[in-house]
N, C-alpha and C. Protein backbone atom coordinates (compact mmCIF):
# COMPACT_ATOMS: atom_id res chain seq x y z
N UNK A 1 66.45 -14.88 -188.75
CA UNK A 1 65.88 -14.88 -187.42
C UNK A 1 66.02 -13.48 -186.82
N UNK A 2 65.19 -13.18 -185.85
CA UNK A 2 65.23 -11.89 -185.18
C UNK A 2 66.19 -11.97 -184.00
N UNK A 3 67.12 -11.04 -183.97
CA UNK A 3 68.07 -10.93 -182.86
C UNK A 3 67.70 -9.72 -182.03
N UNK A 4 67.66 -9.90 -180.72
CA UNK A 4 67.34 -8.79 -179.82
C UNK A 4 68.58 -8.32 -179.06
N UNK A 5 69.76 -8.63 -179.56
CA UNK A 5 71.00 -8.24 -178.89
C UNK A 5 71.16 -6.72 -178.80
N UNK A 6 70.56 -6.00 -179.72
CA UNK A 6 70.72 -4.54 -179.73
C UNK A 6 70.15 -3.88 -178.47
N UNK A 7 69.17 -4.51 -177.85
CA UNK A 7 68.58 -3.90 -176.65
C UNK A 7 69.59 -3.84 -175.52
N UNK A 8 70.47 -4.81 -175.43
CA UNK A 8 71.47 -4.79 -174.36
C UNK A 8 72.35 -3.56 -174.46
N UNK A 9 72.81 -3.26 -175.68
CA UNK A 9 73.65 -2.07 -175.88
C UNK A 9 72.88 -0.79 -175.53
N UNK A 10 71.61 -0.75 -175.93
CA UNK A 10 70.81 0.43 -175.65
C UNK A 10 70.61 0.62 -174.15
N UNK A 11 70.36 -0.46 -173.43
CA UNK A 11 70.19 -0.35 -171.99
C UNK A 11 71.47 0.14 -171.32
N UNK A 12 72.62 -0.34 -171.77
CA UNK A 12 73.90 0.13 -171.22
C UNK A 12 74.08 1.61 -171.50
N UNK A 13 73.80 2.01 -172.74
CA UNK A 13 73.92 3.43 -173.11
C UNK A 13 73.02 4.31 -172.25
N UNK A 14 71.87 3.78 -171.88
CA UNK A 14 70.90 4.55 -171.08
C UNK A 14 71.09 4.35 -169.58
N UNK A 15 72.13 3.61 -169.22
CA UNK A 15 72.45 3.33 -167.81
C UNK A 15 71.26 2.73 -167.06
N UNK A 16 70.68 1.69 -167.68
CA UNK A 16 69.55 0.99 -167.06
C UNK A 16 69.71 -0.50 -167.29
N UNK A 17 68.73 -1.28 -166.89
CA UNK A 17 68.82 -2.74 -167.05
C UNK A 17 67.41 -3.31 -167.25
N UNK A 18 67.35 -4.63 -167.42
CA UNK A 18 66.06 -5.28 -167.69
C UNK A 18 65.11 -5.17 -166.49
N UNK A 19 65.65 -5.19 -165.28
CA UNK A 19 64.78 -5.09 -164.10
C UNK A 19 64.07 -3.73 -164.08
N UNK A 20 64.81 -2.67 -164.32
CA UNK A 20 64.21 -1.33 -164.37
C UNK A 20 63.25 -1.21 -165.54
N UNK A 21 63.62 -1.82 -166.67
CA UNK A 21 62.74 -1.79 -167.84
C UNK A 21 61.42 -2.48 -167.53
N UNK A 22 61.49 -3.58 -166.81
CA UNK A 22 60.27 -4.28 -166.42
C UNK A 22 59.37 -3.42 -165.55
N UNK A 23 59.98 -2.69 -164.63
CA UNK A 23 59.18 -1.81 -163.76
C UNK A 23 58.54 -0.67 -164.54
N UNK A 24 59.28 -0.11 -165.49
CA UNK A 24 58.74 1.03 -166.24
C UNK A 24 57.72 0.62 -167.30
N UNK A 25 57.78 -0.63 -167.76
CA UNK A 25 56.84 -1.09 -168.79
C UNK A 25 55.68 -1.90 -168.22
N UNK A 26 55.88 -2.44 -167.03
CA UNK A 26 54.87 -3.33 -166.48
C UNK A 26 54.96 -4.74 -167.05
N UNK A 27 56.01 -5.02 -167.82
CA UNK A 27 56.20 -6.35 -168.39
C UNK A 27 56.79 -7.28 -167.35
N UNK A 28 56.37 -8.53 -167.36
CA UNK A 28 56.88 -9.49 -166.38
C UNK A 28 58.33 -9.87 -166.70
N UNK A 29 59.00 -10.39 -165.71
CA UNK A 29 60.38 -10.84 -165.92
C UNK A 29 60.43 -11.98 -166.93
N UNK A 30 59.38 -12.80 -166.97
CA UNK A 30 59.32 -13.90 -167.93
C UNK A 30 59.23 -13.37 -169.36
N UNK A 31 58.41 -12.34 -169.56
CA UNK A 31 58.26 -11.75 -170.90
C UNK A 31 59.57 -11.12 -171.34
N UNK A 32 60.23 -10.39 -170.45
CA UNK A 32 61.51 -9.77 -170.81
C UNK A 32 62.58 -10.83 -171.06
N UNK A 33 62.53 -11.93 -170.30
CA UNK A 33 63.48 -13.02 -170.53
C UNK A 33 63.29 -13.61 -171.93
N UNK A 34 62.03 -13.85 -172.31
CA UNK A 34 61.76 -14.37 -173.66
C UNK A 34 62.27 -13.40 -174.71
N UNK A 35 62.07 -12.10 -174.48
CA UNK A 35 62.51 -11.11 -175.44
C UNK A 35 64.03 -11.12 -175.58
N UNK A 36 64.75 -11.08 -174.47
CA UNK A 36 66.20 -10.97 -174.54
C UNK A 36 66.89 -12.26 -174.95
N UNK A 37 66.20 -13.41 -174.85
CA UNK A 37 66.81 -14.68 -175.25
C UNK A 37 66.34 -15.17 -176.61
N UNK A 38 65.53 -14.35 -177.28
CA UNK A 38 65.08 -14.75 -178.62
C UNK A 38 63.89 -15.66 -178.62
N UNK A 39 63.17 -15.73 -177.52
CA UNK A 39 61.94 -16.51 -177.47
C UNK A 39 60.82 -15.77 -178.18
N UNK A 40 59.62 -16.32 -178.10
CA UNK A 40 58.49 -15.68 -178.76
C UNK A 40 57.97 -14.53 -177.92
N UNK A 41 57.63 -13.45 -178.60
CA UNK A 41 57.06 -12.28 -177.95
C UNK A 41 56.17 -11.58 -178.97
N UNK A 42 55.24 -10.79 -178.49
CA UNK A 42 54.30 -10.12 -179.37
C UNK A 42 54.68 -8.67 -179.64
N UNK A 43 53.96 -8.09 -180.58
CA UNK A 43 54.21 -6.70 -180.93
C UNK A 43 53.85 -5.76 -179.79
N UNK A 44 52.93 -6.16 -178.94
CA UNK A 44 52.59 -5.32 -177.78
C UNK A 44 53.81 -5.18 -176.87
N UNK A 45 54.61 -6.22 -176.77
CA UNK A 45 55.85 -6.17 -175.97
C UNK A 45 56.81 -5.17 -176.59
N UNK A 46 56.99 -5.26 -177.89
CA UNK A 46 57.88 -4.32 -178.60
C UNK A 46 57.38 -2.90 -178.42
N UNK A 47 56.08 -2.71 -178.53
CA UNK A 47 55.47 -1.39 -178.38
C UNK A 47 55.75 -0.80 -177.00
N UNK A 48 55.58 -1.59 -175.96
CA UNK A 48 55.79 -1.10 -174.60
C UNK A 48 57.26 -0.79 -174.33
N UNK A 49 58.15 -1.63 -174.85
CA UNK A 49 59.58 -1.38 -174.67
C UNK A 49 60.00 -0.10 -175.39
N UNK A 50 59.55 0.04 -176.62
CA UNK A 50 59.91 1.24 -177.40
C UNK A 50 59.34 2.50 -176.76
N UNK A 51 58.13 2.43 -176.25
CA UNK A 51 57.54 3.59 -175.58
C UNK A 51 58.33 3.98 -174.34
N UNK A 52 58.75 2.99 -173.57
CA UNK A 52 59.49 3.25 -172.34
C UNK A 52 60.88 3.81 -172.62
N UNK A 53 61.51 3.32 -173.69
CA UNK A 53 62.88 3.75 -174.01
C UNK A 53 62.92 4.92 -174.98
N UNK A 54 61.78 5.27 -175.55
CA UNK A 54 61.75 6.35 -176.53
C UNK A 54 62.57 6.02 -177.76
N UNK A 55 62.36 4.81 -178.28
CA UNK A 55 63.15 4.36 -179.42
C UNK A 55 62.26 3.69 -180.46
N UNK A 56 62.87 3.26 -181.55
CA UNK A 56 62.18 2.55 -182.62
C UNK A 56 62.52 1.06 -182.51
N UNK A 57 61.67 0.17 -183.07
CA UNK A 57 61.96 -1.26 -183.02
C UNK A 57 63.35 -1.62 -183.56
N UNK A 58 63.82 -0.89 -184.58
CA UNK A 58 65.14 -1.20 -185.15
C UNK A 58 66.27 -0.87 -184.17
N UNK A 59 65.96 -0.14 -183.09
CA UNK A 59 66.98 0.16 -182.08
C UNK A 59 67.16 -0.97 -181.08
N UNK A 60 66.20 -1.90 -181.03
CA UNK A 60 66.27 -2.97 -180.03
C UNK A 60 66.32 -4.37 -180.63
N UNK A 61 66.10 -4.48 -181.94
CA UNK A 61 66.15 -5.80 -182.59
C UNK A 61 66.47 -5.64 -184.07
N UNK A 62 66.92 -6.75 -184.66
CA UNK A 62 67.27 -6.73 -186.08
C UNK A 62 67.15 -8.14 -186.65
N UNK A 63 67.01 -8.21 -187.96
CA UNK A 63 66.99 -9.50 -188.64
C UNK A 63 68.42 -9.88 -189.00
N UNK A 64 68.79 -11.12 -188.66
CA UNK A 64 70.09 -11.66 -189.07
C UNK A 64 69.86 -13.03 -189.69
N UNK A 65 70.59 -13.31 -190.75
CA UNK A 65 70.45 -14.62 -191.38
C UNK A 65 71.07 -15.69 -190.50
N UNK A 66 70.39 -16.82 -190.46
CA UNK A 66 70.92 -17.95 -189.70
C UNK A 66 72.07 -18.57 -190.46
N UNK A 67 73.09 -19.01 -189.75
CA UNK A 67 74.23 -19.64 -190.40
C UNK A 67 73.81 -20.96 -191.02
N UNK A 68 74.33 -21.24 -192.19
CA UNK A 68 74.04 -22.49 -192.87
C UNK A 68 72.77 -22.48 -193.68
N UNK A 69 72.13 -21.35 -193.79
CA UNK A 69 70.90 -21.28 -194.59
C UNK A 69 71.09 -20.39 -195.77
């Protein structure tokens, strides 16, 4: 499964938060909530977040194996 926990660390390192990220990307709070909680999101969301933060997708998410599989 895809884990988006890495974005939290990146936001802390950059001294920002999801609210500011939403303003800089134009993404809704609902879209950012889905992203940070592991809900469904599209590549356009990843693109906008990476553009705003100046990072690569691997800086904000990663694949982790589900336990028991």
